[in-house]
Amino acid sequence: MSKTDYYTDNDLSTWERIKKAFANDWEQTKADFGSDSARDMDQDVDDTVKQMAGSDDAFENREQAFRFGYIAQQRYASDHPQWNDDLDARLRKEYDGNYDADRRYIQHAYGYRPRS
């Protein structure tokens, strides 16, 4: 499988359904770790609509890594319920991007579980 063929239509459909929840979770995670620039998820609509365009830690700048990690979880969680060296090596080979720069975002997405 080539790296450009990694995502099936079903993978992308699943990603589109979860993407907004994941983006909100990312903002909350940054806030939980003390980021002054993270959106407060209890803001009103006007504040929520504001984008962090141009910010290095904006969700849009990390979406490729988050999508890859979340889809990898869907594919490999039964064999690798926890992140480990074998999984890391496999994902490094499959990732179509700068794995070293994006690894922590991929790992975060791999461990992501939507809130009920």
Protein backbone atom coordinates (compact mmCIF):
# COMPACT_ATOMS: atom_id res chain seq x y z
CA MET A 1 0.00 0.00 0.00
CA SER A 2 1.42 3.38 -0.92
CA LYS A 3 1.34 6.16 1.61
CA THR A 4 -0.98 8.21 -0.61
CA ASP A 5 -3.49 5.36 -0.67
CA TYR A 6 -3.51 4.99 3.11
CA TYR A 7 -7.03 6.32 3.68
CA THR A 8 -10.10 4.54 2.39
CA ASP A 9 -13.35 6.42 1.72
CA ASN A 10 -14.72 4.85 4.90
CA ASP A 11 -11.70 6.09 6.89
CA LEU A 12 -12.22 9.63 5.64
CA SER A 13 -15.95 9.51 6.33
CA THR A 14 -15.26 8.37 9.88
CA TRP A 15 -12.68 11.12 10.29
CA GLU A 16 -15.11 13.82 9.13
CA ARG A 17 -17.62 12.68 11.76
CA ILE A 18 -15.10 12.83 14.59
CA LYS A 19 -13.01 15.82 13.48
CA LYS A 20 -14.95 18.60 15.24
CA ALA A 21 -15.09 16.71 18.52
CA PHE A 22 -11.37 16.03 18.20
CA ALA A 23 -10.62 19.71 17.51
CA ASN A 24 -12.57 20.73 20.61
CA ASP A 25 -10.79 18.11 22.66
CA TRP A 26 -7.43 19.42 21.42
CA GLU A 27 -8.31 22.94 22.52
CA GLN A 28 -9.43 21.66 25.91
CA THR A 29 -6.24 19.62 26.28
CA LYS A 30 -4.11 22.69 25.63
CA ALA A 31 -6.15 24.65 28.16
CA ASP A 32 -5.80 21.85 30.71
CA PHE A 33 -2.02 22.07 30.35
CA GLY A 34 -2.02 25.81 30.96
CA SER A 35 -1.94 27.28 27.47
CA ASP A 36 -2.99 30.92 27.56
CA SER A 37 -3.89 30.77 23.86
CA ALA A 38 -6.28 27.77 24.07
CA ARG A 39 -9.97 28.47 23.67
CA ASP A 40 -12.14 28.11 26.74
CA MET A 41 -14.71 25.57 25.63
CA ASP A 42 -17.38 27.39 27.68
CA GLN A 43 -17.13 30.56 25.58
CA ASP A 44 -20.07 32.04 23.71
CA VAL A 45 -20.59 31.46 19.98
CA ASP A 46 -18.62 34.53 18.87
CA ASP A 47 -15.56 33.42 20.81
CA THR A 48 -15.87 29.82 19.70
CA VAL A 49 -16.06 30.80 16.03
CA LYS A 50 -12.74 32.68 16.19
CA GLN A 51 -10.00 30.61 14.61
CA MET A 52 -6.41 30.39 15.65
CA ALA A 53 -5.29 30.94 12.04
CA GLY A 54 -1.58 31.45 11.79
CA SER A 55 -0.87 29.88 15.15
CA ASP A 56 1.66 27.07 15.09
CA ASP A 57 -0.46 25.00 17.45
CA ALA A 58 -3.76 25.50 15.63
CA PHE A 59 -5.70 22.30 15.05
CA GLU A 60 -5.65 22.90 11.30
CA ASN A 61 -1.84 22.71 11.36
CA ARG A 62 -1.97 19.32 13.07
CA GLU A 63 -4.97 17.74 11.36
CA GLN A 64 -2.90 15.43 9.15
CA ALA A 65 -1.19 13.94 12.21
CA PHE A 66 -4.41 13.68 14.23
CA ARG A 67 -6.28 12.05 11.33
CA PHE A 68 -3.46 9.56 10.78
CA GLY A 69 -3.27 8.63 14.47
CA TYR A 70 -7.02 8.27 14.85
CA ILE A 71 -7.34 6.08 11.74
CA ALA A 72 -4.34 4.02 12.89
CA GLN A 73 -6.19 3.42 16.16
CA GLN A 74 -9.20 2.17 14.21
CA ARG A 75 -6.99 -0.21 12.25
CA TYR A 76 -4.50 -1.43 14.82
CA ALA A 77 -6.01 -1.08 18.31
CA SER A 78 -7.00 -4.73 18.48
CA ASP A 79 -3.35 -5.78 17.99
CA HIS A 80 -1.88 -2.75 19.76
CA PRO A 81 -4.29 -1.49 22.45
CA GLN A 82 -1.44 0.63 23.86
CA TRP A 83 1.23 2.60 22.05
CA ASN A 84 4.43 0.54 21.83
CA ASP A 85 7.69 0.36 19.89
CA ASP A 86 6.33 -2.06 17.26
CA LEU A 87 3.37 0.20 16.54
CA ASP A 88 5.63 3.26 16.47
CA ALA A 89 7.92 1.63 13.89
CA ARG A 90 4.96 0.58 11.74
CA LEU A 91 3.37 4.03 11.78
CA ARG A 92 6.70 5.69 11.03
CA LYS A 93 6.88 3.68 7.78
CA GLU A 94 3.27 4.43 6.85
CA TYR A 95 3.15 8.16 7.63
CA ASP A 96 3.28 10.56 4.70
CA GLY A 97 4.80 13.51 6.49
CA ASN A 98 7.46 14.48 9.02
CA TYR A 99 6.94 11.69 11.52
CA ASP A 100 9.42 13.01 14.06
CA ALA A 101 7.74 16.44 14.12
CA ASP A 102 4.22 14.97 14.26
CA ARG A 103 4.78 11.88 16.41
CA ARG A 104 3.34 13.31 19.64
CA TYR A 105 0.17 14.40 17.82
CA ILE A 106 -0.16 11.00 16.15
CA GLN A 107 0.28 9.32 19.54
CA HIS A 108 -2.26 11.63 21.15
CA ALA A 109 -4.81 10.81 18.45
CA TYR A 110 -4.09 7.10 18.73
CA GLY A 111 -5.06 7.23 22.38
CA TYR A 112 -8.11 9.44 21.80
CA ARG A 113 -11.49 8.12 22.92
CA PRO A 114 -14.53 10.31 22.18
CA ARG A 115 -16.40 11.50 25.22
CA SER A 116 -19.82 9.95 25.63
